[in-house]
All heavy atoms as atom14 arrays in JSON, in Angstrom:
{
  "sequence": "NLVLVARDKSRLDALAAQLREAHKVAVDVLQADLTQPIE",
  "atom14_mask": [
    [1, 1, 1, 1, 1, 1, 1, 1, 0, 0, 0, 0, 0, 0],
    [1, 1, 1, 1, 1, 1, 1, 1, 0, 0, 0, 0, 0, 0],
    [1, 1, 1, 1, 1, 1, 1, 0, 0, 0, 0, 0, 0, 0],
    [1, 1, 1, 1, 1, 1, 1, 1, 0, 0, 0, 0, 0, 0],
    [1, 1, 1, 1, 1, 1, 1, 0, 0, 0, 0, 0, 0, 0],
    [1, 1, 1, 1, 1, 0, 0, 0, 0, 0, 0, 0, 0, 0],
    [1, 1, 1, 1, 1, 1, 1, 1, 1, 1, 1, 0, 0, 0],
    [1, 1, 1, 1, 1, 1, 1, 1, 0, 0, 0, 0, 0, 0],
    [1, 1, 1, 1, 1, 1, 1, 1, 1, 0, 0, 0, 0, 0],
    [1, 1, 1, 1, 1, 1, 0, 0, 0, 0, 0, 0, 0, 0],
    [1, 1, 1, 1, 1, 1, 1, 1, 1, 1, 1, 0, 0, 0],
    [1, 1, 1, 1, 1, 1, 1, 1, 0, 0, 0, 0, 0, 0],
    [1, 1, 1, 1, 1, 1, 1, 1, 0, 0, 0, 0, 0, 0],
    [1, 1, 1, 1, 1, 0, 0, 0, 0, 0, 0, 0, 0, 0],
    [1, 1, 1, 1, 1, 1, 1, 1, 0, 0, 0, 0, 0, 0],
    [1, 1, 1, 1, 1, 0, 0, 0, 0, 0, 0, 0, 0, 0],
    [1, 1, 1, 1, 1, 0, 0, 0, 0, 0, 0, 0, 0, 0],
    [1, 1, 1, 1, 1, 1, 1, 1, 1, 0, 0, 0, 0, 0],
    [1, 1, 1, 1, 1, 1, 1, 1, 0, 0, 0, 0, 0, 0],
    [1, 1, 1, 1, 1, 1, 1, 1, 1, 1, 1, 0, 0, 0],
    [1, 1, 1, 1, 1, 1, 1, 1, 1, 0, 0, 0, 0, 0],
    [1, 1, 1, 1, 1, 0, 0, 0, 0, 0, 0, 0, 0, 0],
    [1, 1, 1, 1, 1, 1, 1, 1, 1, 1, 0, 0, 0, 0],
    [1, 1, 1, 1, 1, 1, 1, 1, 1, 0, 0, 0, 0, 0],
    [1, 1, 1, 1, 1, 1, 1, 0, 0, 0, 0, 0, 0, 0],
    [1, 1, 1, 1, 1, 0, 0, 0, 0, 0, 0, 0, 0, 0],
    [1, 1, 1, 1, 1, 1, 1, 0, 0, 0, 0, 0, 0, 0],
    [1, 1, 1, 1, 1, 1, 1, 1, 0, 0, 0, 0, 0, 0],
    [1, 1, 1, 1, 1, 1, 1, 0, 0, 0, 0, 0, 0, 0],
    [1, 1, 1, 1, 1, 1, 1, 1, 0, 0, 0, 0, 0, 0],
    [1, 1, 1, 1, 1, 1, 1, 1, 1, 0, 0, 0, 0, 0],
    [1, 1, 1, 1, 1, 0, 0, 0, 0, 0, 0, 0, 0, 0],
    [1, 1, 1, 1, 1, 1, 1, 1, 0, 0, 0, 0, 0, 0],
    [1, 1, 1, 1, 1, 1, 1, 1, 0, 0, 0, 0, 0, 0],
    [1, 1, 1, 1, 1, 1, 1, 0, 0, 0, 0, 0, 0, 0],
    [1, 1, 1, 1, 1, 1, 1, 1, 1, 0, 0, 0, 0, 0],
    [1, 1, 1, 1, 1, 1, 1, 0, 0, 0, 0, 0, 0, 0],
    [1, 1, 1, 1, 1, 1, 1, 1, 0, 0, 0, 0, 0, 0],
    [1, 1, 1, 1, 1, 1, 1, 1, 1, 0, 0, 0, 0, 0]
  ],
  "atom14_positions": [
    [[96.59, -64.56, 175.55], [95.42, -63.9, 174.99], [94.17, -64.71, 175.34], [94.26, -65.91, 175.6], [95.55, -63.77, 173.47], [96.7, -62.85, 173.07], [97.04, -61.91, 173.79], [97.32, -63.15, 171.94], [0.0, 0.0, 0.0], [0.0, 0.0, 0.0], [0.0, 0.0, 0.0], [0.0, 0.0, 0.0], [0.0, 0.0, 0.0], [0.0, 0.0, 0.0]],
    [[93.03, -64.04, 175.34], [91.81, -64.64, 175.88], [90.64, -64.52, 174.92], [90.53, -63.56, 174.15], [91.42, -63.96, 177.2], [92.47, -63.91, 178.31], [91.95, -63.04, 179.46], [92.81, -65.31, 178.81], [0.0, 0.0, 0.0], [0.0, 0.0, 0.0], [0.0, 0.0, 0.0], [0.0, 0.0, 0.0], [0.0, 0.0, 0.0], [0.0, 0.0, 0.0]],
    [[89.73, -65.48, 175.04], [88.38, -65.38, 174.47], [87.42, -65.6, 175.63], [87.41, -66.69, 176.24], [88.13, -66.41, 173.36], [86.72, -66.25, 172.81], [89.17, -66.3, 172.26], [0.0, 0.0, 0.0], [0.0, 0.0, 0.0], [0.0, 0.0, 0.0], [0.0, 0.0, 0.0], [0.0, 0.0, 0.0], [0.0, 0.0, 0.0], [0.0, 0.0, 0.0]],
    [[86.66, -64.59, 175.96], [85.76, -64.63, 177.12], [84.33, -64.87, 176.66], [83.81, -64.12, 175.82], [85.85, -63.33, 177.91], [87.25, -62.9, 178.35], [87.17, -61.6, 179.15], [87.94, -64.0, 179.15], [0.0, 0.0, 0.0], [0.0, 0.0, 0.0], [0.0, 0.0, 0.0], [0.0, 0.0, 0.0], [0.0, 0.0, 0.0], [0.0, 0.0, 0.0]],
    [[83.69, -65.88, 177.24], [82.34, -66.27, 176.85], [81.4, -66.17, 178.05], [81.7, -66.7, 179.13], [82.32, -67.72, 176.31], [80.9, -68.13, 175.9], [83.28, -67.87, 175.14], [0.0, 0.0, 0.0], [0.0, 0.0, 0.0], [0.0, 0.0, 0.0], [0.0, 0.0, 0.0], [0.0, 0.0, 0.0], [0.0, 0.0, 0.0], [0.0, 0.0, 0.0]],
    [[80.28, -65.49, 177.88], [79.23, -65.43, 178.9], [78.01, -64.77, 178.29], [78.05, -64.29, 177.14], [79.71, -64.68, 180.15], [0.0, 0.0, 0.0], [0.0, 0.0, 0.0], [0.0, 0.0, 0.0], [0.0, 0.0, 0.0], [0.0, 0.0, 0.0], [0.0, 0.0, 0.0], [0.0, 0.0, 0.0], [0.0, 0.0, 0.0], [0.0, 0.0, 0.0]],
    [[76.94, -64.69, 179.07], [75.71, -64.07, 178.59], [75.74, -62.55, 178.68], [75.17, -61.86, 177.86], [74.51, -64.59, 179.37], [74.2, -66.06, 179.15], [73.04, -66.52, 180.02], [73.36, -66.37, 181.45], [72.48, -66.57, 182.43], [71.24, -66.91, 182.14], [72.85, -66.43, 183.69], [0.0, 0.0, 0.0], [0.0, 0.0, 0.0], [0.0, 0.0, 0.0]],
    [[76.4, -62.03, 179.71], [76.34, -60.6, 180.02], [77.45, -59.86, 179.29], [78.59, -59.78, 179.76], [76.47, -60.39, 181.54], [76.17, -58.98, 181.97], [76.43, -58.05, 181.2], [75.67, -58.81, 183.11], [0.0, 0.0, 0.0], [0.0, 0.0, 0.0], [0.0, 0.0, 0.0], [0.0, 0.0, 0.0], [0.0, 0.0, 0.0], [0.0, 0.0, 0.0]],
    [[77.11, -59.27, 178.14], [78.13, -58.65, 177.3], [78.73, -57.41, 177.96], [79.93, -57.14, 177.82], [77.58, -58.29, 175.93], [78.67, -57.83, 174.95], [78.12, -57.66, 173.55], [79.25, -57.35, 172.56], [79.96, -56.09, 172.9], [0.0, 0.0, 0.0], [0.0, 0.0, 0.0], [0.0, 0.0, 0.0], [0.0, 0.0, 0.0], [0.0, 0.0, 0.0]],
    [[77.93, -56.64, 178.67], [78.47, -55.43, 179.28], [79.54, -55.76, 180.31], [80.58, -55.09, 180.38], [77.35, -54.6, 179.91], [76.72, -55.33, 180.95], [0.0, 0.0, 0.0], [0.0, 0.0, 0.0], [0.0, 0.0, 0.0], [0.0, 0.0, 0.0], [0.0, 0.0, 0.0], [0.0, 0.0, 0.0], [0.0, 0.0, 0.0], [0.0, 0.0, 0.0]],
    [[79.32, -56.8, 181.08], [80.32, -57.21, 182.06], [81.54, -57.8, 181.38], [82.69, -57.58, 181.81], [79.73, -58.2, 183.06], [78.66, -57.58, 183.95], [78.05, -58.57, 184.91], [78.95, -58.88, 186.01], [78.59, -59.62, 187.06], [77.36, -60.13, 187.13], [79.44, -59.85, 188.03], [0.0, 0.0, 0.0], [0.0, 0.0, 0.0], [0.0, 0.0, 0.0]],
    [[81.34, -58.57, 180.31], [82.47, -59.09, 179.55], [83.3, -57.96, 178.97], [84.54, -58.0, 179.03], [81.97, -60.0, 178.43], [81.46, -61.39, 178.79], [80.97, -62.09, 177.53], [82.54, -62.22, 179.47], [0.0, 0.0, 0.0], [0.0, 0.0, 0.0], [0.0, 0.0, 0.0], [0.0, 0.0, 0.0], [0.0, 0.0, 0.0], [0.0, 0.0, 0.0]],
    [[82.64, -56.97, 178.4], [83.36, -55.83, 177.81], [84.18, -55.1, 178.86], [85.33, -54.71, 178.61], [82.38, -54.87, 177.14], [81.81, -55.4, 175.83], [82.45, -56.3, 175.23], [80.74, -54.94, 175.41], [0.0, 0.0, 0.0], [0.0, 0.0, 0.0], [0.0, 0.0, 0.0], [0.0, 0.0, 0.0], [0.0, 0.0, 0.0], [0.0, 0.0, 0.0]],
    [[83.59, -54.9, 180.04], [84.3, -54.19, 181.11], [85.53, -54.99, 181.56], [86.62, -54.43, 181.76], [83.37, -53.93, 182.28], [0.0, 0.0, 0.0], [0.0, 0.0, 0.0], [0.0, 0.0, 0.0], [0.0, 0.0, 0.0], [0.0, 0.0, 0.0], [0.0, 0.0, 0.0], [0.0, 0.0, 0.0], [0.0, 0.0, 0.0], [0.0, 0.0, 0.0]],
    [[85.36, -56.3, 181.73], [86.48, -57.15, 182.14], [87.55, -57.17, 181.07], [88.75, -57.07, 181.37], [85.98, -58.57, 182.42], [87.05, -59.6, 182.8], [87.81, -59.17, 184.06], [86.44, -60.98, 182.98], [0.0, 0.0, 0.0], [0.0, 0.0, 0.0], [0.0, 0.0, 0.0], [0.0, 0.0, 0.0], [0.0, 0.0, 0.0], [0.0, 0.0, 0.0]],
    [[87.13, -57.29, 179.8], [88.09, -57.33, 178.7], [88.92, -56.05, 178.66], [90.15, -56.09, 178.5], [87.36, -57.53, 177.38], [0.0, 0.0, 0.0], [0.0, 0.0, 0.0], [0.0, 0.0, 0.0], [0.0, 0.0, 0.0], [0.0, 0.0, 0.0], [0.0, 0.0, 0.0], [0.0, 0.0, 0.0], [0.0, 0.0, 0.0], [0.0, 0.0, 0.0]],
    [[88.27, -54.91, 178.82], [88.99, -53.63, 178.8], [90.0, -53.56, 179.94], [91.14, -53.1, 179.77], [88.0, -52.47, 178.88], [0.0, 0.0, 0.0], [0.0, 0.0, 0.0], [0.0, 0.0, 0.0], [0.0, 0.0, 0.0], [0.0, 0.0, 0.0], [0.0, 0.0, 0.0], [0.0, 0.0, 0.0], [0.0, 0.0, 0.0], [0.0, 0.0, 0.0]],
    [[89.59, -54.01, 181.1], [90.48, -54.0, 182.27], [91.7, -54.88, 182.04], [92.84, -54.49, 182.36], [89.7, -54.49, 183.49], [90.52, -54.68, 184.74], [89.71, -55.38, 185.83], [88.49, -55.27, 185.88], [90.41, -56.1, 186.7], [0.0, 0.0, 0.0], [0.0, 0.0, 0.0], [0.0, 0.0, 0.0], [0.0, 0.0, 0.0], [0.0, 0.0, 0.0]],
    [[91.48, -56.08, 181.48], [92.59, -57.01, 181.27], [93.53, -56.53, 180.17], [94.76, -56.69, 180.27], [92.05, -58.4, 180.95], [91.25, -59.06, 182.08], [90.68, -60.4, 181.61], [92.1, -59.25, 183.33], [0.0, 0.0, 0.0], [0.0, 0.0, 0.0], [0.0, 0.0, 0.0], [0.0, 0.0, 0.0], [0.0, 0.0, 0.0], [0.0, 0.0, 0.0]],
    [[92.97, -55.94, 179.12], [93.83, -55.38, 178.07], [94.75, -54.3, 178.63], [95.94, -54.24, 178.32], [92.98, -54.8, 176.94], [92.2, -55.81, 176.13], [91.46, -55.13, 174.98], [90.44, -56.0, 174.41], [89.13, -55.79, 174.5], [88.67, -54.72, 175.15], [88.28, -56.63, 173.94], [0.0, 0.0, 0.0], [0.0, 0.0, 0.0], [0.0, 0.0, 0.0]],
    [[94.18, -53.43, 179.45], [94.94, -52.33, 180.01], [96.0, -52.83, 181.0], [97.15, -52.38, 180.98], [93.99, -51.35, 180.72], [94.69, -50.21, 181.45], [95.42, -49.27, 180.53], [95.08, -49.2, 179.32], [96.35, -48.59, 181.0], [0.0, 0.0, 0.0], [0.0, 0.0, 0.0], [0.0, 0.0, 0.0], [0.0, 0.0, 0.0], [0.0, 0.0, 0.0]],
    [[95.61, -53.77, 181.87], [96.51, -54.2, 182.94], [97.62, -55.13, 182.45], [98.74, -55.08, 182.96], [95.71, -54.88, 184.04], [0.0, 0.0, 0.0], [0.0, 0.0, 0.0], [0.0, 0.0, 0.0], [0.0, 0.0, 0.0], [0.0, 0.0, 0.0], [0.0, 0.0, 0.0], [0.0, 0.0, 0.0], [0.0, 0.0, 0.0], [0.0, 0.0, 0.0]],
    [[97.31, -55.96, 181.45], [98.26, -57.02, 181.1], [98.7, -57.0, 179.64], [99.49, -57.87, 179.24], [97.64, -58.38, 181.44], [97.26, -58.52, 182.88], [98.19, -58.57, 183.89], [96.03, -58.58, 183.49], [97.57, -58.68, 185.06], [96.27, -58.68, 184.84], [0.0, 0.0, 0.0], [0.0, 0.0, 0.0], [0.0, 0.0, 0.0], [0.0, 0.0, 0.0]],
    [[98.19, -56.06, 178.86], [98.64, -55.89, 177.46], [98.45, -57.16, 176.64], [99.31, -57.55, 175.85], [100.1, -55.44, 177.41], [100.43, -54.27, 178.34], [99.54, -53.07, 178.09], [99.87, -51.94, 179.07], [98.89, -50.82, 178.98], [0.0, 0.0, 0.0], [0.0, 0.0, 0.0], [0.0, 0.0, 0.0], [0.0, 0.0, 0.0], [0.0, 0.0, 0.0]],
    [[97.33, -57.82, 176.84], [96.99, -59.01, 176.05], [95.76, -58.72, 175.19], [95.01, -57.78, 175.47], [96.73, -60.23, 176.96], [97.98, -60.62, 177.72], [95.57, -59.96, 177.92], [0.0, 0.0, 0.0], [0.0, 0.0, 0.0], [0.0, 0.0, 0.0], [0.0, 0.0, 0.0], [0.0, 0.0, 0.0], [0.0, 0.0, 0.0], [0.0, 0.0, 0.0]],
    [[95.58, -59.52, 174.16], [94.38, -59.42, 173.33], [93.24, -60.18, 174.0], [93.44, -61.31, 174.45], [94.66, -59.98, 171.94], [0.0, 0.0, 0.0], [0.0, 0.0, 0.0], [0.0, 0.0, 0.0], [0.0, 0.0, 0.0], [0.0, 0.0, 0.0], [0.0, 0.0, 0.0], [0.0, 0.0, 0.0], [0.0, 0.0, 0.0], [0.0, 0.0, 0.0]],
    [[92.08, -59.56, 174.05], [90.92, -60.19, 174.68], [89.72, -60.03, 173.77], [89.29, -58.91, 173.47], [90.6, -59.58, 176.06], [89.46, -60.35, 176.72], [91.83, -59.55, 176.96], [0.0, 0.0, 0.0], [0.0, 0.0, 0.0], [0.0, 0.0, 0.0], [0.0, 0.0, 0.0], [0.0, 0.0, 0.0], [0.0, 0.0, 0.0], [0.0, 0.0, 0.0]],
    [[89.19, -61.15, 173.3], [87.97, -61.15, 172.5], [86.79, -61.48, 173.39], [86.91, -62.29, 174.32], [88.05, -62.18, 171.37], [89.07, -61.81, 170.31], [89.51, -60.64, 170.29], [89.44, -62.69, 169.51], [0.0, 0.0, 0.0], [0.0, 0.0, 0.0], [0.0, 0.0, 0.0], [0.0, 0.0, 0.0], [0.0, 0.0, 0.0], [0.0, 0.0, 0.0]],
    [[85.65, -60.9, 173.09], [84.42, -61.14, 173.82], [83.45, -61.88, 172.91], [83.23, -61.47, 171.76], [83.81, -59.82, 174.32], [82.36, -60.01, 174.75], [84.64, -59.25, 175.46], [0.0, 0.0, 0.0], [0.0, 0.0, 0.0], [0.0, 0.0, 0.0], [0.0, 0.0, 0.0], [0.0, 0.0, 0.0], [0.0, 0.0, 0.0], [0.0, 0.0, 0.0]],
    [[82.89, -62.96, 173.42], [81.93, -63.75, 172.65], [80.7, -63.96, 173.52], [80.7, -64.79, 174.44], [82.55, -65.09, 172.25], [81.77, -66.02, 171.33], [81.35, -65.29, 170.06], [82.6, -67.25, 170.98], [0.0, 0.0, 0.0], [0.0, 0.0, 0.0], [0.0, 0.0, 0.0], [0.0, 0.0, 0.0], [0.0, 0.0, 0.0], [0.0, 0.0, 0.0]],
    [[79.67, -63.16, 173.27], [78.45, -63.27, 174.05], [77.68, -64.53, 173.64], [77.43, -64.74, 172.46], [77.57, -62.04, 173.85], [76.29, -62.05, 174.67], [75.39, -60.85, 174.36], [75.49, -60.25, 173.29], [74.53, -60.5, 175.3], [0.0, 0.0, 0.0], [0.0, 0.0, 0.0], [0.0, 0.0, 0.0], [0.0, 0.0, 0.0], [0.0, 0.0, 0.0]],
    [[77.32, -65.35, 174.62], [76.59, -66.58, 174.3], [75.9, -67.12, 175.53], [76.49, -67.15, 176.61], [77.53, -67.64, 173.72], [0.0, 0.0, 0.0], [0.0, 0.0, 0.0], [0.0, 0.0, 0.0], [0.0, 0.0, 0.0], [0.0, 0.0, 0.0], [0.0, 0.0, 0.0], [0.0, 0.0, 0.0], [0.0, 0.0, 0.0], [0.0, 0.0, 0.0]],
    [[74.67, -67.56, 175.34], [73.96, -68.35, 176.33], [74.11, -69.8, 175.89], [73.53, -70.22, 174.88], [72.48, -67.94, 176.37], [71.66, -68.74, 177.37], [72.13, -69.82, 177.81], [70.53, -68.31, 177.7], [0.0, 0.0, 0.0], [0.0, 0.0, 0.0], [0.0, 0.0, 0.0], [0.0, 0.0, 0.0], [0.0, 0.0, 0.0], [0.0, 0.0, 0.0]],
    [[74.9, -70.57, 176.62], [75.26, -71.91, 176.18], [74.12, -72.92, 176.29], [74.28, -74.06, 175.86], [76.48, -72.4, 176.96], [77.74, -71.55, 176.77], [78.88, -72.1, 177.64], [78.16, -71.51, 175.31], [0.0, 0.0, 0.0], [0.0, 0.0, 0.0], [0.0, 0.0, 0.0], [0.0, 0.0, 0.0], [0.0, 0.0, 0.0], [0.0, 0.0, 0.0]],
    [[72.99, -72.51, 176.84], [71.82, -73.38, 176.83], [71.02, -73.22, 175.54], [70.07, -73.98, 175.31], [70.89, -73.1, 178.03], [70.31, -71.79, 177.89], [71.65, -73.2, 179.34], [0.0, 0.0, 0.0], [0.0, 0.0, 0.0], [0.0, 0.0, 0.0], [0.0, 0.0, 0.0], [0.0, 0.0, 0.0], [0.0, 0.0, 0.0], [0.0, 0.0, 0.0]],
    [[71.39, -72.25, 174.71], [70.7, -71.99, 173.45], [71.49, -72.61, 172.3], [72.66, -72.25, 172.09], [70.51, -70.5, 173.22], [69.7, -69.82, 174.31], [68.31, -70.43, 174.47], [67.58, -70.61, 173.49], [67.96, -70.77, 175.71], [0.0, 0.0, 0.0], [0.0, 0.0, 0.0], [0.0, 0.0, 0.0], [0.0, 0.0, 0.0], [0.0, 0.0, 0.0]],
    [[70.89, -73.52, 171.53], [71.66, -74.27, 170.53], [72.43, -73.41, 169.54], [73.59, -73.72, 169.23], [70.57, -75.1, 169.82], [69.52, -75.29, 170.87], [69.5, -74.02, 171.65], [0.0, 0.0, 0.0], [0.0, 0.0, 0.0], [0.0, 0.0, 0.0], [0.0, 0.0, 0.0], [0.0, 0.0, 0.0], [0.0, 0.0, 0.0], [0.0, 0.0, 0.0]],
    [[71.84, -72.34, 169.04], [72.51, -71.52, 168.04], [73.73, -70.83, 168.65], [74.81, -70.77, 168.04], [71.54, -70.48, 167.44], [70.46, -71.19, 166.61], [72.3, -69.48, 166.57], [69.4, -70.26, 166.06], [0.0, 0.0, 0.0], [0.0, 0.0, 0.0], [0.0, 0.0, 0.0], [0.0, 0.0, 0.0], [0.0, 0.0, 0.0], [0.0, 0.0, 0.0]],
    [[73.6, -70.34, 169.87], [74.7, -69.65, 170.52], [75.8, -70.61, 170.94], [76.99, -70.29, 170.84], [74.17, -68.83, 171.69], [73.2, -67.74, 171.24], [72.61, -66.94, 172.37], [73.35, -66.61, 173.32], [71.4, -66.63, 172.31], [0.0, 0.0, 0.0], [0.0, 0.0, 0.0], [0.0, 0.0, 0.0], [0.0, 0.0, 0.0], [0.0, 0.0, 0.0]]
  ]
}
């Protein structure tokens, strides 16, 4: 199972959907800009 982190949520969502469908794993998306302290 995966937790995917990046700034671009739309691309993360698309990748997560693809991986769930292809490999039957749980995939969480966590949108974050790691240069921003709160994120």
